[in-house]
Amino acid sequence: MKMRNDDIRTITEIKQFLLDPPVSFKLKDYASKHVQDAADLLSAYAEAAAVQNYLLDLHEQLETNSISQEELRNKLKEAGIQISRLTNK
């Protein structure tokens, strides 16, 4: 998928955070901003609609606290993997 250079740099930073999230009690707070930023950035690219929808759903779960701390790390890693697949196309 073709992206602007600034977008590639930003999405790569977010992807790295998602693939290896910090161990912290405030992980939900940290992750929420990164997930929302990634969804906003991907909204400009039609090919990224599926990943954007996954990120928006994950953001909703973070905001409503409907995801456990144990499950959160796995969901964040999955989001990072989906972004990796998208950027490697």
Protein backbone atom coordinates (compact mmCIF):
# COMPACT_ATOMS: atom_id res chain seq x y z
CA MET A 1 0.00 0.00 0.00
CA LYS A 2 1.36 3.40 -0.91
CA MET A 3 1.47 5.97 1.88
CA ARG A 4 2.95 9.40 2.37
CA ASN A 5 6.40 9.42 4.03
CA ASP A 6 5.13 11.23 7.14
CA ASP A 7 2.31 8.71 7.48
CA ILE A 8 4.72 5.80 7.11
CA ARG A 9 6.93 7.19 9.86
CA THR A 10 3.98 7.77 12.20
CA ILE A 11 2.31 4.41 11.56
CA THR A 12 5.66 2.64 12.05
CA GLU A 13 6.11 4.26 15.47
CA ILE A 14 2.58 3.27 16.46
CA LYS A 15 3.08 -0.26 15.11
CA GLN A 16 6.25 -0.69 17.18
CA PHE A 17 4.38 0.37 20.31
CA LEU A 18 1.53 -2.03 19.57
CA LEU A 19 3.80 -4.99 18.80
CA ASP A 20 5.70 -4.58 22.07
CA PRO A 21 3.46 -2.70 24.51
CA PRO A 22 4.99 -1.68 27.85
CA VAL A 23 4.09 -3.55 30.99
CA SER A 24 2.18 -0.93 32.91
CA PHE A 25 -0.97 -0.47 34.93
CA LYS A 26 -1.71 2.53 32.69
CA LEU A 27 -1.44 0.54 29.47
CA LYS A 28 -5.07 1.27 28.56
CA ASP A 29 -4.39 5.01 28.73
CA TYR A 30 -1.22 4.76 26.63
CA ALA A 31 -2.76 2.40 24.10
CA SER A 32 -5.97 4.35 23.63
CA LYS A 33 -4.19 7.37 22.17
CA HIS A 34 -1.99 5.26 19.88
CA VAL A 35 -4.94 3.22 18.61
CA GLN A 36 -7.00 6.35 17.93
CA ASP A 37 -4.07 8.04 16.15
CA ALA A 38 -3.55 4.98 13.95
CA ALA A 39 -7.25 4.81 13.06
CA ASP A 40 -7.29 8.52 12.21
CA LEU A 41 -4.21 8.19 10.02
CA LEU A 42 -5.54 5.13 8.18
CA SER A 43 -8.86 6.83 7.46
CA ALA A 44 -7.15 8.59 4.54
CA TYR A 45 -6.47 5.26 2.79
CA ALA A 46 -9.33 3.24 1.31
CA GLU A 47 -7.29 0.00 1.29
CA ALA A 48 -6.94 0.26 5.06
CA ALA A 49 -10.67 0.19 5.87
CA ALA A 50 -10.64 -3.26 7.51
CA VAL A 51 -7.68 -2.42 9.76
CA GLN A 52 -9.17 0.97 10.58
CA ASN A 53 -12.44 -0.70 11.62
CA TYR A 54 -10.51 -3.15 13.82
CA LEU A 55 -8.68 -0.24 15.46
CA LEU A 56 -11.88 1.74 16.01
CA ASP A 57 -13.50 -1.32 17.61
CA LEU A 58 -10.45 -1.80 19.82
CA HIS A 59 -10.52 1.89 20.78
CA GLU A 60 -14.19 1.57 21.74
CA GLN A 61 -13.34 -1.43 23.94
CA LEU A 62 -10.55 0.56 25.59
CA GLU A 63 -12.81 3.53 26.25
CA THR A 64 -15.57 1.39 27.76
CA ASN A 65 -13.11 -0.72 29.79
CA SER A 66 -14.62 -3.88 28.31
CA ILE A 67 -11.24 -5.53 27.83
CA SER A 68 -9.18 -7.10 30.59
CA GLN A 69 -5.57 -6.15 31.24
CA GLU A 70 -4.43 -9.69 30.35
CA GLU A 71 -6.32 -9.68 27.05
CA LEU A 72 -5.24 -6.13 26.20
CA ARG A 73 -1.61 -6.97 25.39
CA ASN A 74 -2.73 -9.71 22.96
CA LYS A 75 -5.24 -7.41 21.25
CA LEU A 76 -2.60 -4.67 20.90
CA LYS A 77 -0.14 -7.14 19.39
CA GLU A 78 -2.81 -8.30 16.94
CA ALA A 79 -3.44 -4.67 15.94
CA GLY A 80 0.29 -4.25 15.34
CA ILE A 81 0.35 -7.39 13.20
CA GLN A 82 -2.57 -6.16 11.12
CA ILE A 83 -0.84 -2.83 10.56
CA SER A 84 2.35 -4.69 9.57
CA ARG A 85 0.48 -6.75 7.00
CA LEU A 86 -1.11 -3.62 5.62
CA THR A 87 2.14 -1.67 5.29
CA ASN A 88 3.97 -4.64 3.74
CA LYS A 89 1.54 -4.88 0.80
